[in-house]
Protein backbone atom coordinates (compact mmCIF):
# COMPACT_ATOMS: atom_id res chain seq x y z
CA MET A 1 84.53 113.08 80.89
CA HIS A 2 87.85 111.77 82.06
CA SER A 3 89.94 114.95 82.31
CA ILE A 4 89.76 118.73 82.43
CA THR A 5 92.88 120.80 81.73
CA ALA A 6 93.70 124.46 81.18
CA VAL A 7 93.81 125.73 77.62
CA ASN A 8 96.83 127.51 76.15
CA PRO A 9 96.84 130.48 76.35
CA PRO A 10 95.03 130.43 79.72
CA SER A 11 91.36 131.40 79.72
CA ASN A 12 88.72 132.08 82.39
CA VAL A 13 85.99 130.99 79.97
CA TYR A 14 87.29 127.79 78.35
CA VAL A 15 88.97 124.54 79.41
CA GLU A 16 90.01 121.48 77.45
CA VAL A 17 87.86 118.46 78.19
CA GLY A 18 88.79 114.85 77.52
CA TYR A 19 86.02 112.30 77.23
CA ALA A 20 85.19 108.92 75.76
CA CYS A 21 82.14 108.06 73.70
CA THR A 22 80.34 105.09 75.27
CA ALA A 23 78.91 104.09 71.87
CA CYS A 24 82.14 103.90 69.85
CA ASN A 25 84.81 103.82 72.62
CA LEU A 26 86.81 106.57 70.93
CA HIS A 27 88.49 109.28 73.03
CA TYR A 28 88.13 112.97 72.22
CA PHE A 29 89.58 116.28 73.46
CA HIS A 30 88.16 119.72 72.76
CA ARG A 31 87.62 123.17 74.21
CA ALA A 32 84.50 123.58 76.27
CA ASP A 33 82.79 126.46 78.02
CA VAL A 34 83.38 126.39 81.80
CA VAL A 35 79.64 126.88 82.45
CA ALA A 36 78.77 123.88 80.27
CA VAL A 37 81.38 121.72 82.01
CA ALA A 38 80.00 122.73 85.42
CA ALA A 39 76.51 121.74 84.29
CA VAL A 40 77.78 118.27 83.33
CA LEU A 41 79.66 117.87 86.64
CA ASN A 42 76.55 118.87 88.60
CA ARG A 43 74.35 116.21 87.00
CA VAL A 44 73.20 113.17 88.92
CA PRO A 45 76.40 111.21 89.60
CA CYS A 46 77.23 108.42 87.21
CA SER A 47 79.08 105.53 88.83
CA GLU A 48 80.51 104.26 85.52
CA ASP A 49 83.38 106.74 85.13
CA VAL A 50 86.26 108.23 87.05
CA LEU A 51 87.00 111.90 86.45
CA VAL A 52 90.58 113.10 86.98
CA PHE A 53 90.48 116.75 88.04
CA GLY A 54 93.09 118.78 89.88
CA GLY A 55 95.04 115.68 90.90
CA HIS A 56 91.93 114.04 92.38
CA TYR A 57 90.13 110.95 91.14
CA ILE A 58 86.39 111.62 91.36
CA HIS A 59 83.70 108.93 91.36
CA CYS A 60 80.02 109.43 92.26
CA GLY A 61 80.74 113.17 92.41
CA GLN A 62 83.24 112.85 95.29
CA PRO A 63 87.04 112.68 95.41
CA MET A 64 88.04 109.11 96.29
CA PRO A 65 90.14 108.87 99.46
CA THR A 66 93.33 106.83 99.59
CA LEU A 67 92.96 103.64 101.63
CA GLY A 68 96.61 102.73 101.59
CA SER A 69 99.05 101.06 99.26
CA GLU A 70 99.65 97.56 97.98
CA ILE A 71 102.55 95.75 96.39
CA ARG A 72 101.41 93.86 93.29
CA GLY A 73 103.56 91.18 91.71
CA PHE A 74 103.39 90.27 88.03
CA SER A 75 105.24 87.64 86.09
CA ALA A 76 105.35 86.59 82.47
CA ALA A 77 107.41 84.20 80.43
CA ALA A 78 110.45 85.97 79.04
CA TYR A 79 110.48 83.65 76.06
CA THR A 80 107.75 81.52 74.50
CA ASP A 81 110.12 78.72 73.53
CA ARG A 82 111.62 78.11 76.99
CA ASP A 83 110.57 76.58 80.29
CA PRO A 84 108.02 78.72 82.25
CA LYS A 85 110.50 78.68 85.16
CA ASP A 86 112.34 81.40 83.22
CA ALA A 87 109.52 83.87 83.89
CA VAL A 88 110.41 87.49 84.53
CA GLY A 89 108.79 89.02 87.60
CA ILE A 90 108.27 92.60 88.67
CA SER A 91 106.72 94.27 91.70
CA LEU A 92 104.70 97.46 91.50
CA GLU A 93 103.57 99.63 94.39
CA THR A 94 100.04 100.94 93.93
CA ARG A 95 97.90 103.51 95.72
CA VAL A 96 94.43 102.16 96.53
CA LEU A 97 91.47 104.57 96.19
CA ARG A 98 87.90 103.62 97.09
CA CYS A 99 84.59 105.41 96.51
CA THR A 100 81.79 105.34 99.08
CA CYS A 101 79.79 103.23 96.59
CA GLY A 102 82.44 100.48 96.81
CA PHE A 103 84.18 101.18 93.49
CA GLN A 104 87.94 100.79 93.88
CA ILE A 105 90.91 101.69 91.72
CA GLU A 106 94.65 101.08 92.13
CA LEU A 107 97.12 103.55 90.67
CA PRO A 108 100.87 103.09 90.28
CA GLU A 109 102.89 105.15 92.76
């Protein structure tokens, strides 16, 4: 699972769950029973995925704390037929999150 959102109209029994199939790499969204979703979330933690829930990024069953922020610079050639000195550069501020297992993710601010 990668996301859980409220259904429309709101329900105390159902939520919409987003998930990806590890076999085919396709993404799916569908309604799911809250009890069934809780059972999945209470399984032994899987360190392969990050779950986005309520504004938190969860890995190994725990919300990942913010370690700080970084400025990342990227550059790419603006044109393929010109000198690489003509590269266009951008800077992006990211928020760094790290799980207790060592997994780390950077998100744009």
